[in-house]
N, C-alpha and C. Protein backbone atom coordinates (compact mmCIF):
# COMPACT_ATOMS: atom_id res chain seq x y z
N MET A 1 150.61 8.61 -157.07
CA MET A 1 150.84 9.96 -157.56
C MET A 1 151.22 10.91 -156.43
N TRP A 2 150.55 10.75 -155.28
CA TRP A 2 150.80 11.66 -154.16
C TRP A 2 152.15 11.41 -153.49
N ALA A 3 152.80 10.31 -153.82
CA ALA A 3 154.11 10.02 -153.21
C ALA A 3 155.26 10.58 -154.03
N LYS A 4 155.00 11.02 -155.27
CA LYS A 4 156.07 11.50 -156.14
C LYS A 4 156.40 12.97 -155.86
N PRO A 5 157.66 13.27 -155.56
CA PRO A 5 158.05 14.66 -155.34
C PRO A 5 157.76 15.56 -156.55
N GLU A 6 157.89 15.01 -157.77
CA GLU A 6 157.64 15.80 -158.97
C GLU A 6 156.18 16.28 -159.03
N ASN A 7 155.26 15.44 -158.59
CA ASN A 7 153.84 15.77 -158.63
C ASN A 7 153.43 16.75 -157.55
N THR A 8 154.10 16.69 -156.41
CA THR A 8 153.62 17.39 -155.22
C THR A 8 154.44 18.61 -154.83
N LYS A 9 155.36 19.03 -155.70
CA LYS A 9 156.25 20.12 -155.30
C LYS A 9 155.51 21.43 -155.03
N TYR A 10 154.34 21.64 -155.62
CA TYR A 10 153.59 22.88 -155.38
C TYR A 10 152.43 22.70 -154.40
N VAL A 11 152.26 21.49 -153.89
CA VAL A 11 151.12 21.23 -152.99
C VAL A 11 151.56 20.62 -151.66
N GLY A 12 152.72 21.01 -151.20
CA GLY A 12 153.14 20.61 -149.87
C GLY A 12 154.03 19.38 -149.77
N GLY A 13 154.40 18.82 -150.90
CA GLY A 13 155.32 17.69 -150.88
C GLY A 13 154.64 16.34 -150.83
N PRO A 14 155.44 15.28 -150.95
CA PRO A 14 154.90 13.92 -151.02
C PRO A 14 154.10 13.53 -149.77
N ARG A 15 153.12 12.66 -150.00
CA ARG A 15 152.30 12.11 -148.92
C ARG A 15 152.58 10.61 -148.81
N ASP A 16 152.39 10.08 -147.61
CA ASP A 16 152.53 8.64 -147.45
C ASP A 16 151.18 7.97 -147.74
N HIS A 17 151.23 6.69 -148.00
CA HIS A 17 150.04 5.92 -148.39
C HIS A 17 148.90 6.09 -147.39
N GLU A 18 149.20 5.98 -146.11
CA GLU A 18 148.14 6.03 -145.09
C GLU A 18 147.45 7.39 -145.02
N SER A 19 148.20 8.47 -145.17
CA SER A 19 147.56 9.79 -145.11
C SER A 19 146.67 10.02 -146.33
N VAL A 20 147.09 9.54 -147.51
CA VAL A 20 146.26 9.66 -148.70
C VAL A 20 145.01 8.81 -148.54
N ARG A 21 145.17 7.59 -148.05
CA ARG A 21 144.03 6.69 -147.83
C ARG A 21 143.02 7.33 -146.88
N ALA A 22 143.49 7.86 -145.77
CA ALA A 22 142.61 8.49 -144.79
C ALA A 22 141.87 9.68 -145.40
N SER A 23 142.56 10.45 -146.22
CA SER A 23 141.94 11.61 -146.87
C SER A 23 140.85 11.17 -147.84
N VAL A 24 141.10 10.12 -148.63
CA VAL A 24 140.10 9.62 -149.57
C VAL A 24 138.87 9.12 -148.81
N ILE A 25 139.07 8.38 -147.74
CA ILE A 25 137.94 7.87 -146.94
C ILE A 25 137.15 9.02 -146.34
N ARG A 26 137.84 10.03 -145.81
CA ARG A 26 137.17 11.19 -145.21
C ARG A 26 136.36 11.94 -146.27
N ASP A 27 136.94 12.16 -147.43
CA ASP A 27 136.23 12.87 -148.49
C ASP A 27 135.01 12.09 -148.98
N ALA A 28 135.16 10.78 -149.11
CA ALA A 28 134.04 9.94 -149.58
C ALA A 28 132.92 9.94 -148.55
N ALA A 29 133.26 9.94 -147.28
CA ALA A 29 132.24 9.92 -146.22
C ALA A 29 131.48 11.24 -146.15
N ALA A 30 132.12 12.34 -146.53
CA ALA A 30 131.45 13.65 -146.48
C ALA A 30 130.26 13.68 -147.41
N ASN A 31 130.38 13.06 -148.59
CA ASN A 31 129.27 12.92 -149.54
C ASN A 31 128.53 14.23 -149.75
N ASP A 32 129.25 15.32 -149.89
CA ASP A 32 128.66 16.64 -150.11
C ASP A 32 128.23 16.75 -151.57
N ASP A 33 126.99 17.15 -151.80
CA ASP A 33 126.50 17.26 -153.17
C ASP A 33 127.15 18.40 -153.94
N LYS A 34 127.62 19.43 -153.25
CA LYS A 34 128.22 20.57 -153.93
C LYS A 34 129.71 20.40 -154.14
N LEU A 35 130.37 19.82 -153.16
CA LEU A 35 131.83 19.79 -153.18
C LEU A 35 132.31 18.35 -153.19
N ARG A 36 133.03 18.02 -154.23
CA ARG A 36 133.58 16.67 -154.31
C ARG A 36 134.74 16.64 -155.27
N LEU A 37 135.45 15.53 -155.23
CA LEU A 37 136.57 15.32 -156.12
C LEU A 37 136.24 14.17 -157.07
N TRP A 38 136.71 14.30 -158.29
CA TRP A 38 136.51 13.27 -159.31
C TRP A 38 137.85 12.81 -159.84
N PRO A 39 137.92 11.58 -160.36
CA PRO A 39 139.17 11.12 -160.99
C PRO A 39 139.36 11.79 -162.33
N VAL A 40 140.61 11.96 -162.72
CA VAL A 40 140.96 12.43 -164.06
C VAL A 40 141.60 11.24 -164.78
N LEU A 41 141.04 10.90 -165.94
CA LEU A 41 141.52 9.76 -166.71
C LEU A 41 142.19 10.23 -167.99
N ALA A 42 143.25 9.54 -168.39
CA ALA A 42 143.94 9.85 -169.64
C ALA A 42 143.00 9.60 -170.81
N ARG A 43 143.02 10.51 -171.77
CA ARG A 43 142.13 10.40 -172.94
C ARG A 43 142.33 9.09 -173.70
N ASP A 44 143.58 8.72 -173.90
CA ASP A 44 143.86 7.56 -174.77
C ASP A 44 143.73 6.21 -174.07
N SER A 45 144.15 6.12 -172.81
CA SER A 45 144.21 4.82 -172.14
C SER A 45 143.15 4.62 -171.07
N GLY A 46 142.55 5.72 -170.58
CA GLY A 46 141.62 5.60 -169.47
C GLY A 46 142.32 5.43 -168.13
N ARG A 47 143.65 5.55 -168.12
CA ARG A 47 144.45 5.41 -166.89
C ARG A 47 144.21 6.60 -165.96
N LEU A 48 144.13 6.34 -164.67
CA LEU A 48 144.00 7.41 -163.68
C LEU A 48 145.26 8.25 -163.68
N VAL A 49 145.10 9.57 -163.92
CA VAL A 49 146.26 10.46 -163.97
C VAL A 49 146.13 11.65 -163.01
N GLY A 50 145.04 11.69 -162.23
CA GLY A 50 144.89 12.80 -161.29
C GLY A 50 143.51 12.86 -160.69
N THR A 51 143.26 13.95 -160.00
CA THR A 51 141.96 14.24 -159.42
C THR A 51 141.63 15.71 -159.66
N CYS A 52 140.34 16.02 -159.58
CA CYS A 52 139.91 17.41 -159.73
C CYS A 52 138.59 17.59 -159.00
N GLY A 53 138.22 18.82 -158.76
CA GLY A 53 136.93 19.09 -158.13
C GLY A 53 136.93 20.36 -157.33
N PHE A 54 136.08 20.36 -156.31
CA PHE A 54 135.88 21.52 -155.45
C PHE A 54 136.16 21.15 -154.01
N VAL A 55 136.84 22.05 -153.29
CA VAL A 55 137.20 21.83 -151.89
C VAL A 55 136.87 23.09 -151.10
N GLU A 56 136.26 22.91 -149.94
CA GLU A 56 136.02 24.05 -149.06
C GLU A 56 137.33 24.50 -148.44
N LYS A 57 137.51 25.81 -148.38
CA LYS A 57 138.69 26.38 -147.74
C LYS A 57 138.27 27.58 -146.92
N ASN A 58 138.97 27.80 -145.82
CA ASN A 58 138.82 29.02 -145.06
C ASN A 58 140.06 29.86 -145.39
N VAL A 59 139.83 31.03 -145.97
CA VAL A 59 140.94 31.88 -146.38
C VAL A 59 140.81 33.21 -145.64
N ASP A 60 141.72 33.44 -144.74
CA ASP A 60 141.73 34.68 -143.96
C ASP A 60 140.39 34.92 -143.27
N GLY A 61 139.79 33.85 -142.74
CA GLY A 61 138.54 33.96 -142.00
C GLY A 61 137.29 33.94 -142.87
N THR A 62 137.44 33.77 -144.17
CA THR A 62 136.30 33.78 -145.08
C THR A 62 136.14 32.39 -145.70
N PRO A 63 134.93 31.81 -145.64
CA PRO A 63 134.73 30.52 -146.32
C PRO A 63 134.76 30.70 -147.83
N GLU A 64 135.50 29.84 -148.51
CA GLU A 64 135.64 29.89 -149.96
C GLU A 64 135.50 28.48 -150.51
N VAL A 65 135.33 28.38 -151.83
CA VAL A 65 135.35 27.10 -152.53
C VAL A 65 136.48 27.16 -153.55
N GLU A 66 137.40 26.21 -153.43
CA GLU A 66 138.54 26.19 -154.34
C GLU A 66 138.34 25.15 -155.43
N LEU A 67 138.62 25.56 -156.66
CA LEU A 67 138.69 24.65 -157.79
C LEU A 67 140.07 24.03 -157.75
N VAL A 68 140.14 22.71 -157.73
CA VAL A 68 141.45 22.05 -157.65
C VAL A 68 141.62 21.04 -158.78
N TYR A 69 142.85 20.92 -159.22
CA TYR A 69 143.22 19.86 -160.15
C TYR A 69 144.62 19.42 -159.78
N PHE A 70 144.79 18.13 -159.70
CA PHE A 70 146.07 17.53 -159.35
C PHE A 70 146.36 16.47 -160.39
N LEU A 71 147.47 16.63 -161.11
CA LEU A 71 147.81 15.71 -162.19
C LEU A 71 149.20 15.13 -162.01
N ASP A 72 149.37 13.89 -162.48
CA ASP A 72 150.70 13.32 -162.56
C ASP A 72 151.54 14.23 -163.45
N TYR A 73 152.77 14.51 -163.05
CA TYR A 73 153.59 15.48 -163.78
C TYR A 73 153.81 15.12 -165.24
N THR A 74 153.69 13.84 -165.59
CA THR A 74 153.87 13.46 -166.99
C THR A 74 152.72 13.96 -167.87
N PHE A 75 151.66 14.48 -167.25
CA PHE A 75 150.52 15.02 -167.99
C PHE A 75 150.45 16.54 -167.92
N TRP A 76 151.44 17.17 -167.30
CA TRP A 76 151.48 18.63 -167.26
C TRP A 76 151.76 19.16 -168.66
N GLY A 77 151.18 20.30 -168.98
CA GLY A 77 151.45 20.97 -170.25
C GLY A 77 150.70 20.39 -171.44
N LEU A 78 149.76 19.49 -171.21
CA LEU A 78 149.02 18.86 -172.30
C LEU A 78 147.59 19.39 -172.44
N GLY A 79 147.24 20.41 -171.66
CA GLY A 79 145.91 20.99 -171.76
C GLY A 79 144.87 20.40 -170.82
N TYR A 80 145.25 19.39 -170.04
CA TYR A 80 144.29 18.77 -169.13
C TYR A 80 143.76 19.77 -168.10
N ALA A 81 144.63 20.55 -167.49
CA ALA A 81 144.21 21.46 -166.42
C ALA A 81 143.21 22.50 -166.94
N THR A 82 143.46 23.05 -168.12
CA THR A 82 142.53 24.04 -168.68
C THR A 82 141.20 23.38 -169.02
N GLU A 83 141.25 22.22 -169.63
CA GLU A 83 140.02 21.50 -169.97
C GLU A 83 139.22 21.16 -168.71
N ILE A 84 139.90 20.67 -167.69
CA ILE A 84 139.26 20.35 -166.42
C ILE A 84 138.66 21.60 -165.81
N GLY A 85 139.43 22.68 -165.77
CA GLY A 85 138.97 23.92 -165.16
C GLY A 85 137.73 24.47 -165.83
N LEU A 86 137.71 24.47 -167.16
CA LEU A 86 136.53 24.97 -167.88
C LEU A 86 135.30 24.13 -167.56
N ALA A 87 135.47 22.81 -167.54
CA ALA A 87 134.34 21.93 -167.22
C ALA A 87 133.87 22.14 -165.78
N LEU A 88 134.81 22.31 -164.85
CA LEU A 88 134.45 22.52 -163.45
C LEU A 88 133.72 23.85 -163.25
N LEU A 89 134.18 24.89 -163.93
CA LEU A 89 133.50 26.18 -163.78
C LEU A 89 132.08 26.11 -164.32
N LYS A 90 131.88 25.41 -165.41
CA LYS A 90 130.53 25.21 -165.94
C LYS A 90 129.68 24.45 -164.93
N GLU A 91 130.25 23.42 -164.36
CA GLU A 91 129.59 22.62 -163.33
C GLU A 91 129.30 23.45 -162.08
N ALA A 92 130.21 24.35 -161.75
CA ALA A 92 130.07 25.16 -160.53
C ALA A 92 128.77 25.95 -160.53
N GLY A 93 128.47 26.60 -161.63
CA GLY A 93 127.25 27.41 -161.69
C GLY A 93 126.02 26.60 -161.99
N ALA A 94 126.10 25.73 -162.98
CA ALA A 94 124.92 25.02 -163.45
C ALA A 94 124.38 24.02 -162.43
N ALA A 95 125.24 23.18 -161.89
CA ALA A 95 124.76 22.11 -161.03
C ALA A 95 125.05 22.33 -159.56
N ARG A 96 126.01 23.16 -159.25
CA ARG A 96 126.41 23.33 -157.85
C ARG A 96 125.90 24.62 -157.23
N GLY A 97 125.45 25.55 -158.05
CA GLY A 97 124.94 26.81 -157.53
C GLY A 97 125.99 27.70 -156.90
N LEU A 98 127.25 27.50 -157.25
CA LEU A 98 128.32 28.32 -156.69
C LEU A 98 128.37 29.65 -157.43
N ARG A 99 128.69 30.72 -156.73
CA ARG A 99 128.77 32.04 -157.34
C ARG A 99 130.17 32.61 -157.37
N ARG A 100 131.10 31.97 -156.64
CA ARG A 100 132.49 32.42 -156.62
C ARG A 100 133.35 31.18 -156.41
N VAL A 101 134.43 31.10 -157.16
CA VAL A 101 135.37 29.99 -157.03
C VAL A 101 136.77 30.60 -157.02
N ILE A 102 137.64 30.03 -156.19
CA ILE A 102 139.01 30.52 -156.08
C ILE A 102 140.00 29.44 -156.49
N ALA A 103 141.23 29.85 -156.65
CA ALA A 103 142.37 28.95 -156.79
C ALA A 103 143.49 29.52 -155.93
N LEU A 104 144.05 28.69 -155.08
CA LEU A 104 145.21 29.07 -154.28
C LEU A 104 146.42 28.47 -154.96
N ILE A 105 147.35 29.32 -155.39
CA ILE A 105 148.45 28.87 -156.23
C ILE A 105 149.79 29.26 -155.62
N ASP A 106 150.68 28.29 -155.57
CA ASP A 106 152.04 28.53 -155.12
C ASP A 106 152.66 29.59 -156.03
N PRO A 107 153.30 30.61 -155.48
CA PRO A 107 153.88 31.68 -156.30
C PRO A 107 154.89 31.20 -157.34
N GLU A 108 155.49 30.04 -157.14
CA GLU A 108 156.45 29.50 -158.10
C GLU A 108 155.77 28.71 -159.22
N ASN A 109 154.48 28.44 -159.09
CA ASN A 109 153.78 27.62 -160.08
C ASN A 109 153.17 28.50 -161.17
N LEU A 110 154.04 29.01 -162.03
CA LEU A 110 153.60 29.94 -163.08
C LEU A 110 152.66 29.28 -164.08
N ALA A 111 152.83 27.99 -164.33
CA ALA A 111 151.94 27.29 -165.26
C ALA A 111 150.52 27.26 -164.71
N SER A 112 150.36 27.04 -163.42
CA SER A 112 149.03 27.02 -162.83
C SER A 112 148.40 28.42 -162.84
N GLU A 113 149.22 29.44 -162.68
CA GLU A 113 148.71 30.81 -162.79
C GLU A 113 148.18 31.07 -164.21
N ARG A 114 148.90 30.57 -165.21
CA ARG A 114 148.44 30.74 -166.60
C ARG A 114 147.10 30.02 -166.82
N VAL A 115 146.95 28.85 -166.23
CA VAL A 115 145.68 28.12 -166.34
C VAL A 115 144.57 28.95 -165.69
N ALA A 116 144.79 29.46 -164.49
CA ALA A 116 143.78 30.28 -163.81
C ALA A 116 143.37 31.47 -164.68
N GLU A 117 144.33 32.12 -165.29
CA GLU A 117 144.02 33.26 -166.17
C GLU A 117 143.21 32.82 -167.39
N LYS A 118 143.54 31.66 -167.97
CA LYS A 118 142.76 31.14 -169.10
C LYS A 118 141.32 30.85 -168.69
N LEU A 119 141.12 30.54 -167.43
CA LEU A 119 139.78 30.24 -166.90
C LEU A 119 139.00 31.51 -166.54
N GLY A 120 139.63 32.66 -166.74
CA GLY A 120 138.96 33.92 -166.42
C GLY A 120 139.15 34.36 -164.98
N MET A 121 140.03 33.67 -164.27
CA MET A 121 140.30 34.04 -162.88
C MET A 121 141.25 35.23 -162.85
N ASN A 122 141.06 36.06 -161.86
CA ASN A 122 141.91 37.23 -161.68
C ASN A 122 142.65 37.14 -160.35
N PHE A 123 143.89 37.58 -160.36
CA PHE A 123 144.67 37.64 -159.12
C PHE A 123 144.03 38.66 -158.20
N GLU A 124 143.77 38.25 -156.96
CA GLU A 124 143.20 39.17 -155.97
C GLU A 124 144.22 39.62 -154.94
N ARG A 125 144.98 38.65 -154.40
CA ARG A 125 145.92 39.02 -153.34
C ARG A 125 146.77 37.80 -152.97
N GLU A 126 147.79 38.07 -152.18
CA GLU A 126 148.54 36.99 -151.57
C GLU A 126 147.96 36.72 -150.20
N THR A 127 148.09 35.49 -149.76
CA THR A 127 147.61 35.09 -148.44
C THR A 127 148.61 34.10 -147.85
N VAL A 128 148.59 33.97 -146.56
CA VAL A 128 149.44 33.00 -145.88
C VAL A 128 148.53 31.94 -145.28
N ARG A 129 148.76 30.69 -145.65
CA ARG A 129 147.95 29.57 -145.19
C ARG A 129 148.34 29.21 -143.77
N PRO A 130 147.50 28.45 -143.06
CA PRO A 130 147.80 28.08 -141.67
C PRO A 130 149.15 27.38 -141.48
N ASN A 131 149.65 26.71 -142.53
CA ASN A 131 150.95 26.05 -142.42
C ASN A 131 152.12 27.01 -142.66
N GLY A 132 151.80 28.32 -142.85
CA GLY A 132 152.83 29.33 -143.06
C GLY A 132 153.21 29.54 -144.52
N LYS A 133 152.63 28.76 -145.41
CA LYS A 133 152.95 28.86 -146.84
C LYS A 133 152.25 30.05 -147.47
N ARG A 134 153.01 30.86 -148.18
CA ARG A 134 152.46 32.00 -148.92
C ARG A 134 151.85 31.49 -150.22
N MET A 135 150.64 31.92 -150.54
CA MET A 135 149.96 31.51 -151.76
C MET A 135 149.36 32.73 -152.43
N ARG A 136 149.12 32.59 -153.72
CA ARG A 136 148.46 33.64 -154.50
C ARG A 136 147.01 33.21 -154.72
N LEU A 137 146.07 34.11 -154.40
CA LEU A 137 144.65 33.81 -154.53
C LEU A 137 144.11 34.41 -155.83
N PHE A 138 143.59 33.54 -156.68
CA PHE A 138 142.90 33.94 -157.91
C PHE A 138 141.43 33.62 -157.70
N ALA A 139 140.54 34.41 -158.32
CA ALA A 139 139.11 34.17 -158.13
C ALA A 139 138.34 34.53 -159.39
N VAL A 140 137.17 33.92 -159.51
CA VAL A 140 136.26 34.24 -160.59
C VAL A 140 134.84 34.18 -160.04
N ARG A 141 134.03 35.12 -160.50
CA ARG A 141 132.59 35.11 -160.17
C ARG A 141 131.89 34.23 -161.18
N ILE A 142 130.95 33.44 -160.71
CA ILE A 142 130.17 32.55 -161.57
C ILE A 142 128.80 33.19 -161.74
N PRO A 143 128.40 33.46 -162.98
CA PRO A 143 127.07 34.07 -163.15
C PRO A 143 125.95 33.11 -162.76
N ALA A 144 124.88 33.67 -162.26
CA ALA A 144 123.71 32.86 -161.91
C ALA A 144 123.16 32.24 -163.18
N VAL A 145 122.72 31.00 -163.07
CA VAL A 145 122.12 30.31 -164.20
C VAL A 145 120.62 30.58 -164.17
N PRO A 146 120.08 31.19 -165.22
CA PRO A 146 118.64 31.49 -165.20
C PRO A 146 117.81 30.21 -165.19
N PRO A 147 116.70 30.20 -164.47
CA PRO A 147 115.86 29.01 -164.45
C PRO A 147 115.30 28.74 -165.84
N ASP A 148 115.06 27.45 -166.13
CA ASP A 148 114.47 27.09 -167.42
C ASP A 148 113.09 27.70 -167.54
N SER A 149 112.76 28.17 -168.74
CA SER A 149 111.44 28.78 -168.97
C SER A 149 110.48 27.75 -169.52
């Protein structure tokens, strides 16, 4: 999936096998209880069609947690991203204790902006990433989950 230009046009372009492999090994070794990535499986076949989860980011000198979803382009527009996002936001507060989650979105990726808005995220500002890429930052506050009585 990471080698296809169609899939990666908004996330920096295609990756080679070795860089993806190294990234997966690095992420698995981190074993962070709050931040991790999960596979996304097709509803009908159980086939791997993407990944989703939480990633630490430094944005303009501020530590943030980004909600991410990456899907094979053949699954775009089918509601997967919104469904994933809603589940992740629920997970963010209930099990992860996160109080704020962001999405960094390529300005040309209007579909991803619509997903962020459906998730209750609001546009905050534009930012320039260390690679020089301009991105739009959307964010949502996660309410504290009251302790069980």
